[in-house]
Protein backbone atom coordinates (compact mmCIF):
# COMPACT_ATOMS: atom_id res chain seq x y z
CA UNK A 1 6.22 4.36 15.41
CA UNK A 2 7.52 3.21 12.07
CA UNK A 3 7.29 -0.57 12.07
CA UNK A 4 8.90 -2.66 9.35
CA UNK A 5 10.03 -6.12 8.34
CA UNK A 6 13.51 -6.87 7.07
CA UNK A 7 15.45 -9.81 5.71
CA UNK A 8 15.18 -12.35 2.88
CA UNK A 9 11.80 -13.04 1.29
CA UNK A 10 9.92 -15.49 3.48
CA UNK A 11 12.29 -15.07 6.42
CA UNK A 12 11.62 -11.47 7.41
CA UNK A 13 12.12 -10.28 10.98
CA UNK A 14 10.23 -7.50 12.75
CA UNK A 15 11.92 -4.14 13.13
CA UNK A 16 11.36 -0.54 14.03
CA UNK A 17 12.93 2.67 12.77
CA UNK A 18 14.63 4.77 15.46
CA UNK A 19 14.85 8.56 15.59
CA UNK A 20 18.09 8.50 13.60
CA UNK A 21 16.65 6.38 10.80
CA UNK A 22 18.40 3.19 11.89
CA UNK A 23 16.61 -0.15 11.89
CA UNK A 24 16.31 -1.77 15.31
CA UNK A 25 15.47 -5.44 15.71
CA UNK A 26 12.13 -6.25 17.39
CA UNK A 27 12.53 -10.04 17.37
CA UNK A 28 12.93 -10.11 21.15
CA UNK A 29 9.68 -8.20 21.61
CA UNK A 30 7.22 -9.52 18.99
CA UNK A 31 7.20 -12.47 16.60
CA UNK A 32 6.31 -10.39 13.56
CA UNK A 33 4.56 -7.21 12.45
CA UNK A 34 1.23 -8.87 11.85
CA UNK A 35 -2.29 -9.16 13.16
CA UNK A 36 -1.41 -10.27 16.69
CA UNK A 37 1.16 -7.54 17.27
CA UNK A 38 -0.88 -4.68 15.84
CA UNK A 39 -4.17 -5.69 17.45
CA UNK A 40 -2.62 -5.52 20.92
CA UNK A 41 0.04 -2.84 21.07
CA UNK A 42 0.64 -3.17 24.81
CA UNK A 43 4.15 -4.39 24.00
CA UNK A 44 4.97 -0.90 22.72
CA UNK A 45 4.23 0.89 26.00
CA UNK A 46 7.48 1.98 27.57
CA UNK A 47 9.49 0.36 24.77
CA UNK A 48 13.13 1.52 24.85
CA UNK A 49 13.79 1.75 21.13
CA UNK A 50 17.38 2.92 21.61
CA UNK A 51 18.05 -0.18 23.69
CA UNK A 52 17.09 -2.55 20.90
CA UNK A 53 19.80 -4.17 18.73
CA UNK A 54 20.86 -2.15 15.69
CA UNK A 55 20.48 -3.93 12.35
CA UNK A 56 23.63 -3.31 10.37
CA UNK A 57 24.10 -2.93 6.65
CA UNK A 58 21.27 -2.33 4.19
CA UNK A 59 18.95 -5.32 4.50
CA UNK A 60 16.11 -5.99 2.12
CA UNK A 61 12.81 -4.58 3.36
CA UNK A 62 9.79 -6.85 3.17
CA UNK A 63 6.15 -5.84 3.08
CA UNK A 64 5.51 -3.89 6.28
CA UNK A 65 2.74 -6.18 7.52
CA UNK A 66 2.65 -9.98 7.63
CA UNK A 67 -0.20 -12.45 7.31
CA UNK A 68 -2.60 -10.16 5.47
CA UNK A 69 -5.94 -11.90 5.06
CA UNK A 70 -7.59 -9.41 2.72
CA UNK A 71 -6.07 -6.92 0.29
CA UNK A 72 -9.00 -4.67 -0.57
CA UNK A 73 -8.76 -1.90 -3.16
CA UNK A 74 -10.95 1.12 -3.84
CA UNK A 75 -11.32 2.15 -7.47
CA UNK A 76 -11.89 5.58 -9.01
CA UNK A 77 -11.58 7.27 -5.61
CA UNK A 78 -10.07 10.51 -6.91
CA UNK A 79 -12.36 12.60 -9.11
CA UNK A 80 -9.50 13.80 -11.32
CA UNK A 81 -8.24 10.24 -11.82
CA UNK A 82 -11.74 9.07 -12.79
CA UNK A 83 -11.87 11.87 -15.35
CA UNK A 84 -8.53 10.93 -16.95
CA UNK A 85 -9.70 7.34 -17.42
CA UNK A 86 -13.00 8.47 -18.95
CA UNK A 87 -15.05 7.22 -16.00
CA UNK A 88 -17.54 9.02 -13.80
CA UNK A 89 -17.22 9.26 -10.03
CA UNK A 90 -19.19 6.32 -8.59
CA UNK A 91 -22.11 6.96 -6.21
CA UNK A 92 -20.57 4.48 -3.75
CA UNK A 93 -16.98 3.24 -3.37
CA UNK A 94 -15.89 0.73 -6.02
CA UNK A 95 -14.49 -2.34 -4.28
CA UNK A 96 -12.21 -4.96 -5.80
CA UNK A 97 -9.67 -7.40 -4.41
CA UNK A 98 -5.97 -7.81 -5.07
CA UNK A 99 -4.61 -11.30 -4.37
CA UNK A 100 -2.40 -11.37 -1.28
CA UNK A 101 0.12 -13.38 -3.31
CA UNK A 102 0.88 -10.11 -5.14
CA UNK A 103 2.34 -8.55 -1.98
CA UNK A 104 6.09 -7.87 -2.06
CA UNK A 105 8.56 -5.54 -0.42
CA UNK A 106 8.74 -1.84 -1.32
CA UNK A 107 11.96 -2.13 -3.31
CA UNK A 108 11.61 -5.60 -4.80
CA UNK A 109 11.64 -6.05 -8.56
CA UNK A 110 8.22 -6.07 -10.19
CA UNK A 111 7.64 -8.75 -12.82
CA UNK A 112 5.84 -7.75 -16.01
CA UNK A 113 3.66 -10.79 -16.78
CA UNK A 114 3.85 -12.75 -20.00
CA UNK A 115 1.80 -11.17 -22.77
CA UNK A 116 1.55 -7.82 -21.01
CA UNK A 117 1.68 -4.67 -23.07
CA UNK A 118 -0.10 -2.38 -20.60
CA UNK A 119 1.55 -2.63 -17.18
CA UNK A 120 0.80 0.57 -15.26
CA UNK A 121 1.62 2.33 -11.98
CA UNK A 122 -0.56 3.75 -9.17
CA UNK A 123 0.71 5.38 -5.96
CA UNK A 124 -1.83 4.79 -3.21
CA UNK A 125 -2.33 5.32 0.51
CA UNK A 126 -2.56 1.97 2.27
CA UNK A 127 -4.63 1.58 5.43
CA UNK A 128 -3.77 -1.31 7.76
CA UNK A 129 -6.52 -2.54 10.06
CA UNK A 130 -5.54 -2.96 13.71
CA UNK A 131 -8.82 -3.85 15.40
CA UNK A 132 -11.68 -6.03 14.18
CA UNK A 133 -14.25 -3.87 12.42
CA UNK A 134 -17.84 -4.88 11.75
CA UNK A 135 -20.68 -2.41 11.22
CA UNK A 136 -18.58 0.47 12.55
CA UNK A 137 -19.66 4.08 12.16
CA UNK A 138 -17.64 6.61 10.22
CA UNK A 139 -17.07 8.50 13.49
CA UNK A 140 -15.45 5.44 15.09
CA UNK A 141 -13.75 4.03 11.99
CA UNK A 142 -10.23 5.35 12.56
CA UNK A 143 -10.11 3.67 15.96
CA UNK A 144 -9.89 0.41 14.02
CA UNK A 145 -6.86 1.54 11.99
CA UNK A 146 -3.38 0.45 13.10
CA UNK A 147 -1.58 2.73 10.68
CA UNK A 148 -0.73 3.69 7.13
CA UNK A 149 1.73 2.75 4.40
CA UNK A 150 2.70 3.34 0.78
CA UNK A 151 1.34 0.98 -1.88
CA UNK A 152 2.02 0.75 -5.60
CA UNK A 153 -1.18 -0.75 -6.98
CA UNK A 154 0.54 -2.08 -10.11
CA UNK A 155 -2.02 -2.87 -12.80
CA UNK A 156 -2.18 -4.58 -16.19
CA UNK A 157 -4.78 -2.54 -18.02
CA UNK A 158 -5.59 -4.99 -20.82
CA UNK A 159 -6.06 -7.81 -18.30
CA UNK A 160 -8.16 -5.42 -16.19
CA UNK A 161 -10.44 -3.88 -18.80
CA UNK A 162 -10.32 -5.91 -22.00
CA UNK A 163 -10.38 -9.52 -20.84
CA UNK A 164 -13.96 -9.53 -19.54
CA UNK A 165 -15.15 -9.93 -15.97
CA UNK A 166 -13.82 -8.22 -12.88
CA UNK A 167 -10.70 -6.07 -12.44
CA UNK A 168 -9.02 -8.57 -10.13
CA UNK A 169 -7.00 -10.41 -12.78
CA UNK A 170 -5.41 -7.16 -13.91
CA UNK A 171 -4.46 -6.29 -10.35
CA UNK A 172 -3.27 -9.59 -8.87
CA UNK A 173 -0.25 -10.64 -10.94
CA UNK A 174 2.76 -11.77 -8.93
CA UNK A 175 4.68 -8.80 -7.42
CA UNK A 176 1.87 -6.32 -8.26
CA UNK A 177 1.53 -5.22 -4.62
CA UNK A 178 4.68 -3.48 -3.31
CA UNK A 179 3.83 -2.49 0.28
CA UNK A 180 5.85 -0.38 2.72
CA UNK A 181 8.57 0.51 3.62
CA UNK A 182 6.97 1.18 6.97
CA UNK A 183 3.72 0.73 8.80
CA UNK A 184 3.42 4.18 10.34
CA UNK A 185 1.16 3.98 13.38
CA UNK A 186 -1.98 6.07 13.43
CA UNK A 187 -0.72 8.42 16.16
CA UNK A 188 2.01 9.72 13.82
CA UNK A 189 -0.43 10.70 11.05
CA UNK A 190 -2.41 13.74 12.16
CA UNK A 191 -4.76 13.69 9.18
CA UNK A 192 -4.70 10.95 6.52
CA UNK A 193 -6.57 13.33 4.20
CA UNK A 194 -3.70 15.81 4.05
CA UNK A 195 -0.80 13.76 2.68
CA UNK A 196 1.19 14.66 -0.43
CA UNK A 197 1.91 11.75 -2.77
CA UNK A 198 4.07 11.38 -5.87
CA UNK A 199 5.43 8.90 -8.39
CA UNK A 200 8.16 9.05 -11.05
CA UNK A 201 9.10 6.77 -13.93
CA UNK A 202 12.79 6.87 -14.91
CA UNK A 203 13.09 10.14 -12.99
CA UNK A 204 10.16 11.84 -14.71
CA UNK A 205 7.26 12.90 -12.50
CA UNK A 206 4.00 11.23 -13.48
CA UNK A 207 1.84 11.61 -10.37
CA UNK A 208 1.87 14.59 -8.02
CA UNK A 209 -1.22 14.65 -5.85
CA UNK A 210 -2.66 14.62 -2.37
CA UNK A 211 -5.04 12.49 -0.36
CA UNK A 212 -7.13 15.62 0.14
CA UNK A 213 -8.74 15.01 -3.27
CA UNK A 214 -10.12 11.58 -2.33
CA UNK A 215 -13.82 11.22 -3.01
CA UNK A 216 -14.35 8.80 -0.13
CA UNK A 217 -11.94 9.40 2.75
CA UNK A 218 -10.29 6.79 4.95
CA UNK A 219 -12.92 6.86 7.71
CA UNK A 220 -15.73 6.60 5.18
CA UNK A 221 -14.08 3.69 3.38
CA UNK A 222 -13.36 1.71 6.56
CA UNK A 223 -16.94 2.19 7.76
CA UNK A 224 -18.37 1.36 4.35
CA UNK A 225 -16.39 -1.87 3.96
CA UNK A 226 -17.34 -2.97 7.47
CA UNK A 227 -21.01 -3.00 6.44
CA UNK A 228 -20.26 -5.81 3.98
CA UNK A 229 -17.41 -7.79 5.53
CA UNK A 230 -15.58 -8.01 8.82
CA UNK A 231 -12.19 -6.35 8.66
CA UNK A 232 -9.47 -8.12 10.65
CA UNK A 233 -6.11 -6.98 12.01
CA UNK A 234 -3.54 -7.07 9.24
CA UNK A 235 -6.04 -6.51 6.43
CA UNK A 236 -4.93 -3.84 3.96
CA UNK A 237 -7.10 -1.29 2.18
CA UNK A 238 -5.55 0.47 -0.82
CA UNK A 239 -7.54 3.66 -1.14
CA UNK A 240 -7.14 4.73 -4.76
CA UNK A 241 -4.78 6.83 -6.83
CA UNK A 242 -4.57 10.46 -8.00
CA UNK A 243 -4.26 11.36 -11.70
CA UNK A 244 -1.14 10.65 -13.73
CA UNK A 245 -1.38 6.92 -14.38
CA UNK A 246 -0.07 5.56 -17.67
CA UNK A 247 -3.47 4.81 -19.15
CA UNK A 248 -4.47 8.45 -18.70
CA UNK A 249 -1.87 9.80 -21.12
CA UNK A 250 -2.63 10.33 -24.79
CA UNK A 251 -1.31 8.07 -26.13
CA UNK A 252 -1.06 5.81 -23.07
CA UNK A 253 2.36 5.27 -21.51
CA UNK A 254 3.09 1.83 -20.11
CA UNK A 255 6.02 0.19 -18.37
CA UNK A 256 8.64 -1.97 -20.03
CA UNK A 257 11.51 -4.08 -18.74
CA UNK A 258 14.25 -1.91 -17.28
CA UNK A 259 11.99 0.96 -16.23
CA UNK A 260 12.46 2.26 -12.68
CA UNK A 261 9.49 3.51 -10.69
CA UNK A 262 9.90 5.57 -7.52
CA UNK A 263 7.03 6.72 -5.33
CA UNK A 264 6.26 8.04 -1.90
CA UNK A 265 3.75 9.59 0.46
CA UNK A 266 4.45 12.37 2.93
CA UNK A 267 5.64 10.89 6.23
CA UNK A 268 5.23 7.29 5.09
CA UNK A 269 8.49 6.72 3.21
CA UNK A 270 9.39 5.86 -0.36
CA UNK A 271 9.57 2.87 -2.69
CA UNK A 272 11.74 2.05 -5.70
CA UNK A 273 11.15 -0.80 -8.12
CA UNK A 274 12.83 -2.02 -11.26
CA UNK A 275 10.41 -3.65 -13.68
CA UNK A 276 11.62 -6.87 -15.25
CA UNK A 277 10.25 -9.32 -17.81
CA UNK A 278 8.81 -12.65 -16.70
CA UNK A 279 10.83 -15.68 -17.75
């Protein structure tokens, strides 16, 4: 299934994409696409998608999961991306947090924060937890995954690397977490380590990679994180980006107001954002 949320910011309704690409309303079935609904998917058994109300027009799409408690990111998880940033591949996954207040819809405008001169892009595979995970093995890890989505891990590199301390402040600016368009359930993704991914800026390809080059795969990351913290339904893990980010160019290329970023992952849909200046 391709689950989604549609409607004005803060008033989104649950939906599902039918076989013809039309949005169907799920409000009569579940309250929202969040922890409760994805931890117990019994409501989906025997669901007549074609019998659900069609949502007309072209509504705004919200983030594909509601009520996220933790937005966990994995850094330097592609060897070729680590190389372009001048870093070495870490012996264990690098973990940092992105504030959940950064989460927005897949096509919402992204705000370049005041004082920013180094706002950057990162297409990433998002993993949405569906079942509580604590001390799980790598072999069992995917059983705790509800599904997958596209994430743009927007980053302010000066805030991240030149302002001392952790990376979080360069990752957590408002609107820096476009998520969606869909939460694609695990059964529709045969192998999360074989997904093509891409990103363009103003129509020019910047990233063209695949999840097959991850250093630490999805199962490894879920198991690893569960050794340090309990993962709850609705938590999101952003698993890292392939090469082609702005900071990796010589000289670096960063985003400015008016730039349009488009990105996608095979089978998981696409995003499109216009970057605007803060006011």
